[in-house]
Amino acid sequence: VRYTAARAAVAFLVDQVHEQQQKQFIDVVPGILQALKDSLQEQDDNVLKSMIDLSEKAPKVLRNNLEIVLNITLQTVSNTEYENTVRQLALECIVTLAESAPAMLRKYQKFFPLIVPQMLAMMVDLEDEADWSVSDDPEDEDCD
């Protein structure tokens, strides 16, 4: 129920067109972040998906809690016990914040040296696909 409430709160915040209206509901953000933490512990990524929407469409709502958001998402990205899809969503949340509110993120430069190695680690962390080494490539046959 809390996760659904958090997702509903995010949807409401995203739909508020005016920043002034959004500012009136900033007090719900800590509850959303607590629901995010709890949902991630249960491997539920729905609240995280909502956070990506919030990061894209109303990032200023997160300004007062940005350090907490970065901590949660960075911990998720770096925790290899999570499924790759959950880790990728957490990284997407960070990247979305960087794209939609770069000035806000610049204030938290201490996270940059932590984020970049995690991004690179995820790039090289690929699962072996058995069919890859035995597949026929028609272009290879044309090299005679």
N, C-alpha and C. Protein backbone atom coordinates (compact mmCIF):
# COMPACT_ATOMS: atom_id res chain seq x y z
N VAL A 1 0.83 -1.19 0.00
CA VAL A 1 0.00 0.00 0.00
C VAL A 1 0.88 1.26 0.00
N ARG A 2 1.97 1.23 0.78
CA ARG A 2 2.86 2.40 0.83
C ARG A 2 3.51 2.66 -0.53
N TYR A 3 3.85 1.59 -1.23
CA TYR A 3 4.50 1.77 -2.53
C TYR A 3 3.53 2.39 -3.53
N THR A 4 2.29 1.95 -3.48
CA THR A 4 1.27 2.51 -4.36
C THR A 4 1.02 3.97 -4.00
N ALA A 5 1.00 4.27 -2.71
CA ALA A 5 0.82 5.66 -2.27
C ALA A 5 1.99 6.53 -2.74
N ALA A 6 3.20 6.00 -2.66
CA ALA A 6 4.38 6.75 -3.11
C ALA A 6 4.30 7.01 -4.61
N ARG A 7 3.90 5.99 -5.36
CA ARG A 7 3.78 6.16 -6.81
C ARG A 7 2.69 7.16 -7.15
N ALA A 8 1.59 7.13 -6.39
CA ALA A 8 0.50 8.09 -6.62
C ALA A 8 0.96 9.51 -6.29
N ALA A 9 1.72 9.66 -5.22
CA ALA A 9 2.24 10.99 -4.85
C ALA A 9 3.17 11.51 -5.93
N VAL A 10 4.02 10.65 -6.47
CA VAL A 10 4.92 11.06 -7.54
C VAL A 10 4.12 11.46 -8.77
N ALA A 11 3.12 10.67 -9.13
CA ALA A 11 2.28 10.99 -10.29
C ALA A 11 1.60 12.34 -10.09
N PHE A 12 1.14 12.61 -8.88
CA PHE A 12 0.51 13.89 -8.58
C PHE A 12 1.52 15.03 -8.73
N LEU A 13 2.71 14.85 -8.18
CA LEU A 13 3.74 15.89 -8.29
C LEU A 13 4.15 16.14 -9.73
N VAL A 14 4.23 15.10 -10.51
CA VAL A 14 4.62 15.23 -11.92
C VAL A 14 3.54 15.98 -12.70
N ASP A 15 2.28 15.74 -12.34
CA ASP A 15 1.18 16.38 -13.07
C ASP A 15 0.95 17.84 -12.68
N GLN A 16 1.55 18.28 -11.59
CA GLN A 16 1.42 19.68 -11.19
C GLN A 16 2.27 20.52 -12.11
N VAL A 17 1.61 21.32 -12.92
CA VAL A 17 2.30 22.07 -13.96
C VAL A 17 3.16 23.19 -13.38
N HIS A 18 2.66 23.88 -12.40
CA HIS A 18 3.37 25.04 -11.86
C HIS A 18 4.28 24.64 -10.71
N GLU A 19 5.48 25.19 -10.74
CA GLU A 19 6.45 24.90 -9.68
C GLU A 19 5.92 25.33 -8.32
N GLN A 20 5.17 26.42 -8.29
CA GLN A 20 4.63 26.91 -7.03
C GLN A 20 3.71 25.86 -6.40
N GLN A 21 2.92 25.18 -7.21
CA GLN A 21 2.05 24.12 -6.70
C GLN A 21 2.89 22.94 -6.21
N GLN A 22 3.94 22.62 -6.93
CA GLN A 22 4.80 21.51 -6.54
C GLN A 22 5.48 21.79 -5.20
N LYS A 23 5.88 23.03 -4.99
CA LYS A 23 6.58 23.39 -3.75
C LYS A 23 5.72 23.15 -2.52
N GLN A 24 4.42 23.23 -2.67
CA GLN A 24 3.52 23.02 -1.54
C GLN A 24 3.53 21.57 -1.07
N PHE A 25 4.00 20.67 -1.91
CA PHE A 25 3.96 19.24 -1.59
C PHE A 25 5.36 18.64 -1.38
N ILE A 26 6.33 19.49 -1.18
CA ILE A 26 7.71 19.01 -0.97
C ILE A 26 7.81 18.15 0.28
N ASP A 27 6.94 18.38 1.24
CA ASP A 27 6.99 17.62 2.50
C ASP A 27 6.71 16.13 2.32
N VAL A 28 6.13 15.73 1.19
CA VAL A 28 5.86 14.30 0.98
C VAL A 28 7.08 13.56 0.44
N VAL A 29 8.09 14.29 -0.01
CA VAL A 29 9.26 13.66 -0.62
C VAL A 29 9.98 12.70 0.34
N PRO A 30 10.22 13.05 1.60
CA PRO A 30 10.88 12.08 2.49
C PRO A 30 10.11 10.76 2.62
N GLY A 31 8.79 10.82 2.63
CA GLY A 31 7.99 9.60 2.67
C GLY A 31 8.15 8.78 1.40
N ILE A 32 8.22 9.46 0.27
CA ILE A 32 8.44 8.78 -1.01
C ILE A 32 9.80 8.10 -1.01
N LEU A 33 10.80 8.79 -0.49
CA LEU A 33 12.16 8.22 -0.46
C LEU A 33 12.24 7.02 0.49
N GLN A 34 11.51 7.07 1.59
CA GLN A 34 11.48 5.92 2.49
C GLN A 34 10.81 4.73 1.80
N ALA A 35 9.73 5.00 1.08
CA ALA A 35 9.06 3.93 0.32
C ALA A 35 10.00 3.39 -0.75
N LEU A 36 10.79 4.26 -1.36
CA LEU A 36 11.77 3.82 -2.36
C LEU A 36 12.78 2.87 -1.74
N LYS A 37 13.33 3.25 -0.60
CA LYS A 37 14.31 2.38 0.08
C LYS A 37 13.70 1.03 0.41
N ASP A 38 12.50 1.05 0.98
CA ASP A 38 11.85 -0.19 1.39
C ASP A 38 11.51 -1.06 0.18
N SER A 39 11.05 -0.44 -0.89
CA SER A 39 10.69 -1.22 -2.08
C SER A 39 11.92 -1.84 -2.73
N LEU A 40 13.03 -1.14 -2.70
CA LEU A 40 14.26 -1.69 -3.27
C LEU A 40 14.75 -2.89 -2.47
N GLN A 41 14.56 -2.86 -1.17
CA GLN A 41 14.96 -4.00 -0.34
C GLN A 41 14.13 -5.23 -0.68
N GLU A 42 12.94 -5.01 -1.19
CA GLU A 42 12.07 -6.12 -1.58
C GLU A 42 12.16 -6.41 -3.08
N GLN A 43 13.16 -5.83 -3.75
CA GLN A 43 13.39 -6.03 -5.19
C GLN A 43 12.20 -5.56 -6.03
N ASP A 44 11.46 -4.58 -5.54
CA ASP A 44 10.34 -3.99 -6.28
C ASP A 44 10.83 -2.69 -6.90
N ASP A 45 10.78 -2.59 -8.22
CA ASP A 45 11.34 -1.43 -8.89
C ASP A 45 10.31 -0.39 -9.32
N ASN A 46 9.05 -0.56 -8.94
CA ASN A 46 8.01 0.36 -9.39
C ASN A 46 8.17 1.77 -8.84
N VAL A 47 8.55 1.90 -7.58
CA VAL A 47 8.76 3.24 -7.01
C VAL A 47 9.98 3.88 -7.67
N LEU A 48 10.99 3.09 -7.97
CA LEU A 48 12.18 3.60 -8.65
C LEU A 48 11.82 4.14 -10.04
N LYS A 49 10.95 3.44 -10.75
CA LYS A 49 10.50 3.92 -12.06
C LYS A 49 9.78 5.25 -11.91
N SER A 50 8.99 5.38 -10.86
CA SER A 50 8.30 6.65 -10.61
C SER A 50 9.29 7.77 -10.30
N MET A 51 10.35 7.41 -9.59
CA MET A 51 11.38 8.41 -9.27
C MET A 51 12.08 8.92 -10.53
N ILE A 52 12.21 8.05 -11.52
CA ILE A 52 12.80 8.48 -12.79
C ILE A 52 11.90 9.52 -13.44
N ASP A 53 10.59 9.28 -13.41
CA ASP A 53 9.64 10.27 -13.95
C ASP A 53 9.74 11.59 -13.20
N LEU A 54 9.80 11.50 -11.88
CA LEU A 54 9.90 12.71 -11.07
C LEU A 54 11.21 13.45 -11.36
N SER A 55 12.29 12.71 -11.52
CA SER A 55 13.59 13.30 -11.82
C SER A 55 13.59 14.02 -13.16
N GLU A 56 12.81 13.50 -14.09
CA GLU A 56 12.76 14.09 -15.42
C GLU A 56 11.83 15.30 -15.48
N LYS A 57 10.65 15.18 -14.88
CA LYS A 57 9.62 16.20 -15.07
C LYS A 57 9.53 17.23 -13.96
N ALA A 58 10.01 16.90 -12.77
CA ALA A 58 9.94 17.85 -11.65
C ALA A 58 11.14 17.69 -10.73
N PRO A 59 12.35 17.83 -11.26
CA PRO A 59 13.54 17.58 -10.44
C PRO A 59 13.70 18.55 -9.27
N LYS A 60 13.15 19.75 -9.40
CA LYS A 60 13.31 20.74 -8.33
C LYS A 60 12.62 20.31 -7.04
N VAL A 61 11.65 19.43 -7.15
CA VAL A 61 10.98 18.90 -5.96
C VAL A 61 11.97 18.13 -5.10
N LEU A 62 12.99 17.57 -5.73
CA LEU A 62 13.97 16.75 -5.03
C LEU A 62 15.14 17.56 -4.47
N ARG A 63 15.18 18.85 -4.74
CA ARG A 63 16.34 19.68 -4.38
C ARG A 63 16.77 19.51 -2.93
N ASN A 64 15.84 19.61 -1.99
CA ASN A 64 16.18 19.52 -0.56
C ASN A 64 16.60 18.12 -0.14
N ASN A 65 16.27 17.12 -0.93
CA ASN A 65 16.57 15.73 -0.60
C ASN A 65 17.48 15.08 -1.62
N LEU A 66 18.15 15.89 -2.41
CA LEU A 66 18.95 15.34 -3.51
C LEU A 66 20.08 14.45 -3.03
N GLU A 67 20.70 14.80 -1.93
CA GLU A 67 21.79 13.97 -1.41
C GLU A 67 21.27 12.59 -1.02
N ILE A 68 20.08 12.54 -0.45
CA ILE A 68 19.47 11.25 -0.07
C ILE A 68 19.16 10.45 -1.32
N VAL A 69 18.61 11.11 -2.34
CA VAL A 69 18.29 10.43 -3.60
C VAL A 69 19.56 9.85 -4.21
N LEU A 70 20.62 10.64 -4.23
CA LEU A 70 21.89 10.16 -4.80
C LEU A 70 22.46 9.01 -3.99
N ASN A 71 22.36 9.08 -2.68
CA ASN A 71 22.84 7.97 -1.84
C ASN A 71 22.08 6.69 -2.12
N ILE A 72 20.75 6.78 -2.17
CA ILE A 72 19.93 5.59 -2.41
C ILE A 72 20.24 4.99 -3.78
N THR A 73 20.26 5.83 -4.80
CA THR A 73 20.48 5.31 -6.15
C THR A 73 21.90 4.78 -6.33
N LEU A 74 22.88 5.46 -5.75
CA LEU A 74 24.26 4.99 -5.87
C LEU A 74 24.46 3.67 -5.13
N GLN A 75 23.85 3.53 -3.97
CA GLN A 75 23.93 2.26 -3.24
C GLN A 75 23.28 1.14 -4.04
N THR A 76 22.19 1.46 -4.72
CA THR A 76 21.51 0.45 -5.54
C THR A 76 22.37 0.04 -6.73
N VAL A 77 22.96 1.02 -7.39
CA VAL A 77 23.82 0.73 -8.55
C VAL A 77 25.00 -0.13 -8.14
N SER A 78 25.58 0.16 -6.99
CA SER A 78 26.80 -0.55 -6.58
C SER A 78 26.53 -1.90 -5.93
N ASN A 79 25.29 -2.19 -5.58
CA ASN A 79 24.96 -3.45 -4.91
C ASN A 79 24.69 -4.54 -5.96
N THR A 80 25.62 -5.46 -6.11
CA THR A 80 25.50 -6.51 -7.13
C THR A 80 24.47 -7.58 -6.76
N GLU A 81 23.90 -7.50 -5.57
CA GLU A 81 22.85 -8.45 -5.20
C GLU A 81 21.53 -8.11 -5.88
N TYR A 82 21.39 -6.86 -6.32
CA TYR A 82 20.19 -6.48 -7.06
C TYR A 82 20.28 -7.01 -8.48
N GLU A 83 19.12 -7.21 -9.09
CA GLU A 83 19.09 -7.61 -10.49
C GLU A 83 19.67 -6.46 -11.33
N ASN A 84 20.23 -6.81 -12.47
CA ASN A 84 20.82 -5.78 -13.33
C ASN A 84 19.80 -4.74 -13.76
N THR A 85 18.56 -5.16 -13.97
CA THR A 85 17.54 -4.19 -14.40
C THR A 85 17.29 -3.14 -13.33
N VAL A 86 17.28 -3.55 -12.07
CA VAL A 86 17.08 -2.60 -10.97
C VAL A 86 18.28 -1.66 -10.88
N ARG A 87 19.47 -2.21 -11.00
CA ARG A 87 20.68 -1.38 -10.95
C ARG A 87 20.70 -0.38 -12.11
N GLN A 88 20.27 -0.83 -13.29
CA GLN A 88 20.24 0.06 -14.45
C GLN A 88 19.21 1.17 -14.27
N LEU A 89 18.08 0.84 -13.65
CA LEU A 89 17.07 1.86 -13.38
C LEU A 89 17.60 2.91 -12.40
N ALA A 90 18.33 2.46 -11.40
CA ALA A 90 18.92 3.41 -10.44
C ALA A 90 19.91 4.33 -11.15
N LEU A 91 20.70 3.77 -12.04
CA LEU A 91 21.64 4.58 -12.82
C LEU A 91 20.88 5.55 -13.73
N GLU A 92 19.79 5.07 -14.31
CA GLU A 92 18.97 5.93 -15.16
C GLU A 92 18.42 7.12 -14.37
N CYS A 93 18.07 6.89 -13.13
CA CYS A 93 17.59 7.97 -12.27
C CYS A 93 18.67 9.04 -12.09
N ILE A 94 19.89 8.61 -11.85
CA ILE A 94 21.01 9.54 -11.69
C ILE A 94 21.26 10.31 -12.99
N VAL A 95 21.27 9.61 -14.10
CA VAL A 95 21.52 10.24 -15.40
C VAL A 95 20.40 11.22 -15.74
N THR A 96 19.17 10.84 -15.44
CA THR A 96 18.03 11.72 -15.70
C THR A 96 18.14 13.00 -14.89
N LEU A 97 18.55 12.87 -13.64
CA LEU A 97 18.76 14.07 -12.82
C LEU A 97 19.86 14.95 -13.41
N ALA A 98 20.92 14.32 -13.89
CA ALA A 98 22.02 15.07 -14.49
C ALA A 98 21.57 15.81 -15.75
N GLU A 99 20.67 15.21 -16.50
CA GLU A 99 20.18 15.84 -17.72
C GLU A 99 19.16 16.93 -17.44
N SER A 100 18.27 16.69 -16.49
CA SER A 100 17.17 17.63 -16.26
C SER A 100 17.51 18.74 -15.27
N ALA A 101 18.49 18.51 -14.40
CA ALA A 101 18.85 19.53 -13.41
C ALA A 101 20.37 19.53 -13.17
N PRO A 102 21.14 19.85 -14.20
CA PRO A 102 22.60 19.77 -14.05
C PRO A 102 23.15 20.72 -12.98
N ALA A 103 22.56 21.89 -12.84
CA ALA A 103 23.06 22.83 -11.83
C ALA A 103 22.86 22.29 -10.42
N MET A 104 21.74 21.63 -10.20
CA MET A 104 21.50 21.03 -8.88
C MET A 104 22.52 19.94 -8.59
N LEU A 105 22.82 19.15 -9.58
CA LEU A 105 23.73 18.02 -9.38
C LEU A 105 25.18 18.48 -9.20
N ARG A 106 25.54 19.61 -9.81
CA ARG A 106 26.90 20.11 -9.68
C ARG A 106 27.28 20.40 -8.23
N LYS A 107 26.30 20.66 -7.41
CA LYS A 107 26.56 20.96 -6.00
C LYS A 107 26.99 19.72 -5.22
N TYR A 108 26.82 18.56 -5.82
CA TYR A 108 27.14 17.30 -5.15
C TYR A 108 28.28 16.59 -5.88
N GLN A 109 29.35 17.31 -6.12
CA GLN A 109 30.47 16.76 -6.88
C GLN A 109 31.16 15.61 -6.17
N LYS A 110 30.95 15.47 -4.88
CA LYS A 110 31.58 14.36 -4.16
C LYS A 110 31.06 13.01 -4.65
N PHE A 111 29.90 13.00 -5.31
CA PHE A 111 29.34 11.75 -5.81
C PHE A 111 29.94 11.34 -7.16
N PHE A 112 30.48 12.29 -7.91
CA PHE A 112 30.99 11.99 -9.24
C PHE A 112 32.06 10.91 -9.25
N PRO A 113 33.05 10.98 -8.36
CA PRO A 113 34.07 9.91 -8.37
C PRO A 113 33.50 8.54 -7.99
N LEU A 114 32.34 8.53 -7.38
CA LEU A 114 31.71 7.26 -7.01
C LEU A 114 30.82 6.73 -8.14
N ILE A 115 30.19 7.64 -8.86
CA ILE A 115 29.24 7.25 -9.91
C ILE A 115 29.97 6.72 -11.14
N VAL A 116 31.01 7.40 -11.58
CA VAL A 116 31.69 7.03 -12.82
C VAL A 116 32.23 5.60 -12.79
N PRO A 117 32.93 5.17 -11.74
CA PRO A 117 33.40 3.77 -11.72
C PRO A 117 32.25 2.76 -11.76
N GLN A 118 31.13 3.11 -11.14
CA GLN A 118 29.98 2.20 -11.18
C GLN A 118 29.42 2.11 -12.60
N MET A 119 29.39 3.22 -13.29
CA MET A 119 28.93 3.21 -14.68
C MET A 119 29.83 2.34 -15.54
N LEU A 120 31.13 2.52 -15.38
CA LEU A 120 32.08 1.73 -16.16
C LEU A 120 32.00 0.25 -15.81
N ALA A 121 31.82 -0.05 -14.54
CA ALA A 121 31.70 -1.45 -14.12
C ALA A 121 30.47 -2.10 -14.73
N MET A 122 29.38 -1.34 -14.80
CA MET A 122 28.16 -1.89 -15.41
C MET A 122 28.33 -2.09 -16.91
N MET A 123 29.14 -1.25 -17.53
CA MET A 123 29.36 -1.38 -18.97
C MET A 123 30.12 -2.65 -19.31
N VAL A 124 31.04 -3.06 -18.46
CA VAL A 124 31.84 -4.24 -18.75
C VAL A 124 31.25 -5.51 -18.14
N ASP A 125 30.22 -5.36 -17.35
CA ASP A 125 29.60 -6.51 -16.70
C ASP A 125 28.52 -7.09 -17.61
N LEU A 126 28.95 -7.87 -18.59
CA LEU A 126 28.04 -8.48 -19.55
C LEU A 126 28.01 -9.98 -19.33
N GLU A 127 26.82 -10.53 -19.48
CA GLU A 127 26.70 -11.97 -19.35
C GLU A 127 27.10 -12.62 -20.67
N ASP A 128 27.75 -13.78 -20.57
CA ASP A 128 28.12 -14.52 -21.77
C ASP A 128 26.87 -15.10 -22.41
N GLU A 129 26.82 -14.97 -23.71
CA GLU A 129 25.72 -15.57 -24.44
C GLU A 129 26.29 -16.73 -25.24
N ALA A 130 25.76 -17.91 -24.99
CA ALA A 130 26.32 -19.13 -25.58
C ALA A 130 26.25 -19.11 -27.10
N ASP A 131 25.21 -18.55 -27.67
CA ASP A 131 25.04 -18.56 -29.12
C ASP A 131 25.96 -17.58 -29.84
N TRP A 132 26.54 -16.65 -29.12
CA TRP A 132 27.33 -15.61 -29.76
C TRP A 132 28.52 -16.20 -30.52
N SER A 133 29.23 -17.12 -29.93
CA SER A 133 30.45 -17.64 -30.55
C SER A 133 30.17 -18.65 -31.67
N VAL A 134 28.98 -19.15 -31.78
CA VAL A 134 28.68 -20.15 -32.81
C VAL A 134 27.73 -19.62 -33.88
N SER A 135 27.32 -18.39 -33.80
CA SER A 135 26.36 -17.88 -34.78
C SER A 135 27.05 -17.64 -36.11
N ASP A 136 26.32 -17.84 -37.18
CA ASP A 136 26.83 -17.59 -38.52
C ASP A 136 26.56 -16.14 -38.89
N ASP A 137 27.56 -15.50 -39.39
CA ASP A 137 27.42 -14.12 -39.84
C ASP A 137 27.60 -14.13 -41.35
N PRO A 138 26.57 -13.80 -42.11
CA PRO A 138 26.67 -13.86 -43.58
C PRO A 138 27.77 -12.96 -44.13
N GLU A 139 28.09 -11.88 -43.45
CA GLU A 139 29.15 -10.99 -43.93
C GLU A 139 30.51 -11.66 -43.87
N ASP A 140 30.73 -12.55 -42.91
CA ASP A 140 32.01 -13.25 -42.79
C ASP A 140 32.25 -14.17 -43.98
N GLU A 141 31.20 -14.72 -44.54
CA GLU A 141 31.33 -15.64 -45.65
C GLU A 141 31.69 -14.92 -46.95
N ASP A 142 31.42 -13.63 -47.01
CA ASP A 142 31.70 -12.86 -48.22
C ASP A 142 33.15 -12.40 -48.32
N CYS A 143 33.97 -12.74 -47.37
CA CYS A 143 35.36 -12.25 -47.32
C CYS A 143 36.32 -13.09 -48.16
N ASP A 144 35.87 -13.97 -48.97
CA ASP A 144 36.75 -14.85 -49.75
C ASP A 144 37.67 -14.10 -50.61
